[in-house]
Amino acid sequence: MDMTAIELAYPVFLFATLILTLIMIPKNEYREYLMYGFLVGGLGDVVNVTLLQNILGLIRFKNQGIFYVLGHHALSPLGWTLVIMLFLYFIPRRRIFLWLYIISWGLMALGFAYTVHNIGLFDFQSWFYPLPAFIIFTAWFAFTAWLFSRTSSKAAKVE
């Protein structure tokens, strides 16, 4: 079965993000970041997609091809796992930079959502983007930073 460029967007993103995590995160720290990535990123994505797509009908993955699994895009949780790993590894120590960092990642997630929308892999209710989605993404990153700061020995104390 031939895959189109559209169907390859998620695998390419996933591969590039995986390479970044392997290059950036030291081997002896990888396991802990992977655990947070899986719990907050991967499972968080499944919960968000189930709520926003399957229950509320606000978003919808489309043109998923072989990656369609139970109404979800199979690579989306893997992508979020890796994104959260990178987010946590580079998290700043100073409070002002932390909030700017969280907002920046919320904007990047929003930009990625628009990108996959523009190439035809994702759709949403017109009123849901940009503001409500930005708030959800930013809250997700803020929760991730809060959880990490409270539970991880790798978390630096915020000044």
C-alpha atoms as a PDB file:
ATOM      1  CA  MET A   1       0.000   0.000   0.000  1.00  0.00           C
ATOM      2  CA  ASP A   2       1.420   3.374  -1.016  1.00  0.00           C
ATOM      3  CA  MET A   3       1.382   6.168   1.532  1.00  0.00           C
ATOM      4  CA  THR A   4       0.826   9.747   0.464  1.00  0.00           C
ATOM      5  CA  ALA A   5       2.787  12.721   1.722  1.00  0.00           C
ATOM      6  CA  ILE A   6      -0.200  13.645   3.895  1.00  0.00           C
ATOM      7  CA  GLU A   7      -0.229  10.222   5.555  1.00  0.00           C
ATOM      8  CA  LEU A   8       3.512  10.512   6.189  1.00  0.00           C
ATOM      9  CA  ALA A   9       3.233  13.813   8.103  1.00  0.00           C
ATOM     10  CA  TYR A  10       2.740  12.184  11.508  1.00  0.00           C
ATOM     11  CA  PRO A  11       5.406   9.467  11.017  1.00  0.00           C
ATOM     12  CA  VAL A  12       7.931  12.115   9.907  1.00  0.00           C
ATOM     13  CA  PHE A  13       7.069  14.336  12.894  1.00  0.00           C
ATOM     14  CA  LEU A  14       7.296  11.353  15.231  1.00  0.00           C
ATOM     15  CA  PHE A  15      10.657  10.248  13.818  1.00  0.00           C
ATOM     16  CA  ALA A  16      12.125  13.774  13.973  1.00  0.00           C
ATOM     17  CA  THR A  17      10.917  14.262  17.548  1.00  0.00           C
ATOM     18  CA  LEU A  18      12.290  10.863  18.573  1.00  0.00           C
ATOM     19  CA  ILE A  19      15.689  11.771  17.129  1.00  0.00           C
ATOM     20  CA  LEU A  20      15.614  15.068  19.060  1.00  0.00           C
ATOM     21  CA  THR A  21      14.867  13.280  22.340  1.00  0.00           C
ATOM     22  CA  LEU A  22      17.643  10.759  21.726  1.00  0.00           C
ATOM     23  CA  ILE A  23      20.153  13.517  20.950  1.00  0.00           C
ATOM     24  CA  MET A  24      19.124  15.991  23.653  1.00  0.00           C
ATOM     25  CA  ILE A  25      18.156  13.899  26.693  1.00  0.00           C
ATOM     26  CA  PRO A  26      21.049  12.038  28.357  1.00  0.00           C
ATOM     27  CA  LYS A  27      20.707   8.255  28.365  1.00  0.00           C
ATOM     28  CA  ASN A  28      20.771   8.003  32.165  1.00  0.00           C
ATOM     29  CA  GLU A  29      17.840  10.467  32.437  1.00  0.00           C
ATOM     30  CA  TYR A  30      15.787   9.190  29.498  1.00  0.00           C
ATOM     31  CA  ARG A  31      13.707   6.696  31.491  1.00  0.00           C
ATOM     32  CA  GLU A  32      12.275   9.287  33.882  1.00  0.00           C
ATOM     33  CA  TYR A  33      11.415  11.730  31.098  1.00  0.00           C
ATOM     34  CA  LEU A  34       9.860   8.872  29.140  1.00  0.00           C
ATOM     35  CA  MET A  35       7.672   7.979  32.128  1.00  0.00           C
ATOM     36  CA  TYR A  36       6.360  11.548  32.411  1.00  0.00           C
ATOM     37  CA  GLY A  37       5.981  11.759  28.643  1.00  0.00           C
ATOM     38  CA  PHE A  38       3.919   8.590  28.577  1.00  0.00           C
ATOM     39  CA  LEU A  39       1.739   9.458  31.578  1.00  0.00           C
ATOM     40  CA  VAL A  40       1.098  13.132  30.881  1.00  0.00           C
ATOM     41  CA  GLY A  41       1.657  13.237  27.121  1.00  0.00           C
ATOM     42  CA  GLY A  42       0.502   9.901  25.728  1.00  0.00           C
ATOM     43  CA  LEU A  43      -2.296   9.134  28.170  1.00  0.00           C
ATOM     44  CA  GLY A  44      -3.193  12.827  28.324  1.00  0.00           C
ATOM     45  CA  ASP A  45      -3.652  12.817  24.552  1.00  0.00           C
ATOM     46  CA  VAL A  46      -5.911   9.754  24.704  1.00  0.00           C
ATOM     47  CA  VAL A  47      -8.041  11.418  27.405  1.00  0.00           C
ATOM     48  CA  ASN A  48      -8.182  14.752  25.528  1.00  0.00           C
ATOM     49  CA  VAL A  49      -9.041  13.154  22.190  1.00  0.00           C
ATOM     50  CA  THR A  50     -11.661  10.908  23.776  1.00  0.00           C
ATOM     51  CA  LEU A  51     -13.279  13.906  25.452  1.00  0.00           C
ATOM     52  CA  LEU A  52     -12.926  16.478  22.668  1.00  0.00           C
ATOM     53  CA  GLN A  53     -13.542  14.152  19.698  1.00  0.00           C
ATOM     54  CA  ASN A  54     -15.512  11.104  20.749  1.00  0.00           C
ATOM     55  CA  ILE A  55     -17.704  12.716  23.429  1.00  0.00           C
ATOM     56  CA  LEU A  56     -18.003  16.436  22.580  1.00  0.00           C
ATOM     57  CA  GLY A  57     -17.368  16.312  18.815  1.00  0.00           C
ATOM     58  CA  LEU A  58     -15.206  19.459  18.845  1.00  0.00           C
ATOM     59  CA  ILE A  59     -12.235  17.975  16.978  1.00  0.00           C
ATOM     60  CA  ARG A  60     -11.801  15.163  14.477  1.00  0.00           C
ATOM     61  CA  PHE A  61      -8.869  13.311  13.007  1.00  0.00           C
ATOM     62  CA  LYS A  62      -9.326  12.474   9.336  1.00  0.00           C
ATOM     63  CA  ASN A  63      -7.408  10.789   6.510  1.00  0.00           C
ATOM     64  CA  GLN A  64      -5.655   8.573   9.046  1.00  0.00           C
ATOM     65  CA  GLY A  65      -5.083   5.625   6.755  1.00  0.00           C
ATOM     66  CA  ILE A  66      -3.396   2.705   8.472  1.00  0.00           C
ATOM     67  CA  PHE A  67      -2.977   4.725  11.681  1.00  0.00           C
ATOM     68  CA  TYR A  68      -6.710   4.736  12.526  1.00  0.00           C
ATOM     69  CA  VAL A  69      -7.259   2.886  15.828  1.00  0.00           C
ATOM     70  CA  LEU A  70     -10.545   3.056  17.767  1.00  0.00           C
ATOM     71  CA  GLY A  71     -11.344   6.549  16.536  1.00  0.00           C
ATOM     72  CA  HIS A  72      -7.889   7.868  17.398  1.00  0.00           C
ATOM     73  CA  HIS A  73      -4.761   8.548  15.385  1.00  0.00           C
ATOM     74  CA  ALA A  74      -2.382   5.863  16.678  1.00  0.00           C
ATOM     75  CA  LEU A  75       0.707   8.068  16.383  1.00  0.00           C
ATOM     76  CA  SER A  76      -0.729  11.079  18.210  1.00  0.00           C
ATOM     77  CA  PRO A  77      -0.133   9.707  21.755  1.00  0.00           C
ATOM     78  CA  LEU A  78       3.403   8.700  20.775  1.00  0.00           C
ATOM     79  CA  GLY A  79       4.052  12.193  19.441  1.00  0.00           C
ATOM     80  CA  TRP A  80       2.707  13.792  22.619  1.00  0.00           C
ATOM     81  CA  THR A  81       4.883  11.469  24.705  1.00  0.00           C
ATOM     82  CA  LEU A  82       7.995  12.761  22.961  1.00  0.00           C
ATOM     83  CA  VAL A  83       6.849  16.398  22.989  1.00  0.00           C
ATOM     84  CA  ILE A  84       6.294  16.307  26.751  1.00  0.00           C
ATOM     85  CA  MET A  85       9.733  14.745  27.224  1.00  0.00           C
ATOM     86  CA  LEU A  86      11.365  17.653  25.374  1.00  0.00           C
ATOM     87  CA  PHE A  87       9.170  20.183  27.179  1.00  0.00           C
ATOM     88  CA  LEU A  88      10.248  18.864  30.578  1.00  0.00           C
ATOM     89  CA  TYR A  89      13.920  18.465  29.749  1.00  0.00           C
ATOM     90  CA  PHE A  90      14.296  22.132  28.782  1.00  0.00           C
ATOM     91  CA  ILE A  91      11.991  23.609  31.435  1.00  0.00           C
ATOM     92  CA  PRO A  92      13.487  26.840  32.871  1.00  0.00           C
ATOM     93  CA  ARG A  93      14.174  27.527  36.551  1.00  0.00           C
ATOM     94  CA  ARG A  94      13.047  31.161  36.808  1.00  0.00           C
ATOM     95  CA  ARG A  95       9.319  31.738  37.298  1.00  0.00           C
ATOM     96  CA  ILE A  96       8.959  34.505  34.673  1.00  0.00           C
ATOM     97  CA  PHE A  97      10.704  32.374  32.081  1.00  0.00           C
ATOM     98  CA  LEU A  98       8.660  29.351  33.128  1.00  0.00           C
ATOM     99  CA  TRP A  99       5.361  31.114  32.345  1.00  0.00           C
ATOM    100  CA  LEU A 100       6.698  32.439  29.036  1.00  0.00           C
ATOM    101  CA  TYR A 101       7.951  28.922  28.262  1.00  0.00           C
ATOM    102  CA  ILE A 102       4.556  27.334  29.029  1.00  0.00           C
ATOM    103  CA  ILE A 103       2.728  29.929  26.911  1.00  0.00           C
ATOM    104  CA  SER A 104       5.233  29.415  24.067  1.00  0.00           C
ATOM    105  CA  TRP A 105       4.649  25.653  24.080  1.00  0.00           C
ATOM    106  CA  GLY A 106       0.886  26.270  24.105  1.00  0.00           C
ATOM    107  CA  LEU A 107       1.328  28.440  21.004  1.00  0.00           C
ATOM    108  CA  MET A 108       3.543  25.824  19.323  1.00  0.00           C
ATOM    109  CA  ALA A 109       0.929  23.121  19.963  1.00  0.00           C
ATOM    110  CA  LEU A 110      -1.730  25.411  18.502  1.00  0.00           C
ATOM    111  CA  GLY A 111       0.482  26.039  15.472  1.00  0.00           C
ATOM    112  CA  PHE A 112       1.013  22.308  14.971  1.00  0.00           C
ATOM    113  CA  ALA A 113      -2.752  21.736  15.181  1.00  0.00           C
ATOM    114  CA  TYR A 114      -3.298  24.360  12.469  1.00  0.00           C
ATOM    115  CA  THR A 115      -0.574  22.730  10.354  1.00  0.00           C
ATOM    116  CA  VAL A 116      -2.155  19.263  10.494  1.00  0.00           C
ATOM    117  CA  HIS A 117      -5.530  20.922   9.856  1.00  0.00           C
ATOM    118  CA  ASN A 118      -4.164  22.681   6.764  1.00  0.00           C
ATOM    119  CA  ILE A 119      -2.755  19.460   5.305  1.00  0.00           C
ATOM    120  CA  GLY A 120      -6.048  17.650   5.870  1.00  0.00           C
ATOM    121  CA  LEU A 121      -5.361  15.369   8.840  1.00  0.00           C
ATOM    122  CA  PHE A 122      -7.335  17.197  11.498  1.00  0.00           C
ATOM    123  CA  ASP A 123     -10.528  19.221  11.730  1.00  0.00           C
ATOM    124  CA  PHE A 124     -12.254  21.215  14.455  1.00  0.00           C
ATOM    125  CA  GLN A 125     -15.294  23.338  15.172  1.00  0.00           C
ATOM    126  CA  SER A 126     -14.471  26.839  13.925  1.00  0.00           C
ATOM    127  CA  TRP A 127     -15.174  28.501  17.286  1.00  0.00           C
ATOM    128  CA  PHE A 128     -12.876  26.080  19.138  1.00  0.00           C
ATOM    129  CA  TYR A 129      -9.673  27.419  17.543  1.00  0.00           C
ATOM    130  CA  PRO A 130      -7.704  29.442  18.433  1.00  0.00           C
ATOM    131  CA  LEU A 131      -8.650  30.605  21.958  1.00  0.00           C
ATOM    132  CA  PRO A 132     -10.305  27.591  23.678  1.00  0.00           C
ATOM    133  CA  ALA A 133      -7.734  25.213  22.175  1.00  0.00           C
ATOM    134  CA  PHE A 134      -4.861  27.513  23.203  1.00  0.00           C
ATOM    135  CA  ILE A 135      -6.212  27.574  26.768  1.00  0.00           C
ATOM    136  CA  ILE A 136      -6.413  23.763  26.828  1.00  0.00           C
ATOM    137  CA  PHE A 137      -2.888  23.335  25.427  1.00  0.00           C
ATOM    138  CA  THR A 138      -1.452  25.910  27.835  1.00  0.00           C
ATOM    139  CA  ALA A 139      -3.260  24.355  30.810  1.00  0.00           C
ATOM    140  CA  TRP A 140      -1.915  20.950  29.761  1.00  0.00           C
ATOM    141  CA  PHE A 141       1.660  22.257  29.725  1.00  0.00           C
ATOM    142  CA  ALA A 142       1.121  24.147  33.012  1.00  0.00           C
ATOM    143  CA  PHE A 143      -0.221  20.986  34.669  1.00  0.00           C
ATOM    144  CA  THR A 144       2.738  19.031  33.300  1.00  0.00           C
ATOM    145  CA  ALA A 145       5.220  21.553  34.723  1.00  0.00           C
ATOM    146  CA  TRP A 146       3.414  21.595  38.077  1.00  0.00           C
ATOM    147  CA  LEU A 147       3.292  17.782  38.338  1.00  0.00           C
ATOM    148  CA  PHE A 148       6.942  17.459  37.341  1.00  0.00           C
ATOM    149  CA  SER A 149       8.045  20.106  39.857  1.00  0.00           C
ATOM    150  CA  ARG A 150       6.182  18.318  42.658  1.00  0.00           C
ATOM    151  CA  THR A 151       7.140  14.720  41.901  1.00  0.00           C
ATOM    152  CA  SER A 152      10.480  14.541  40.082  1.00  0.00           C
ATOM    153  CA  SER A 153      13.976  14.632  41.486  1.00  0.00           C
ATOM    154  CA  LYS A 154      15.054  16.049  38.103  1.00  0.00           C
ATOM    155  CA  ALA A 155      12.944  19.177  38.555  1.00  0.00           C
ATOM    156  CA  ALA A 156      14.921  22.273  39.421  1.00  0.00           C
ATOM    157  CA  LYS A 157      13.553  24.549  42.114  1.00  0.00           C
ATOM    158  CA  VAL A 158      11.742  27.502  40.557  1.00  0.00           C
ATOM    159  CA  GLU A 159      13.195  30.846  41.635  1.00  0.00           C
END
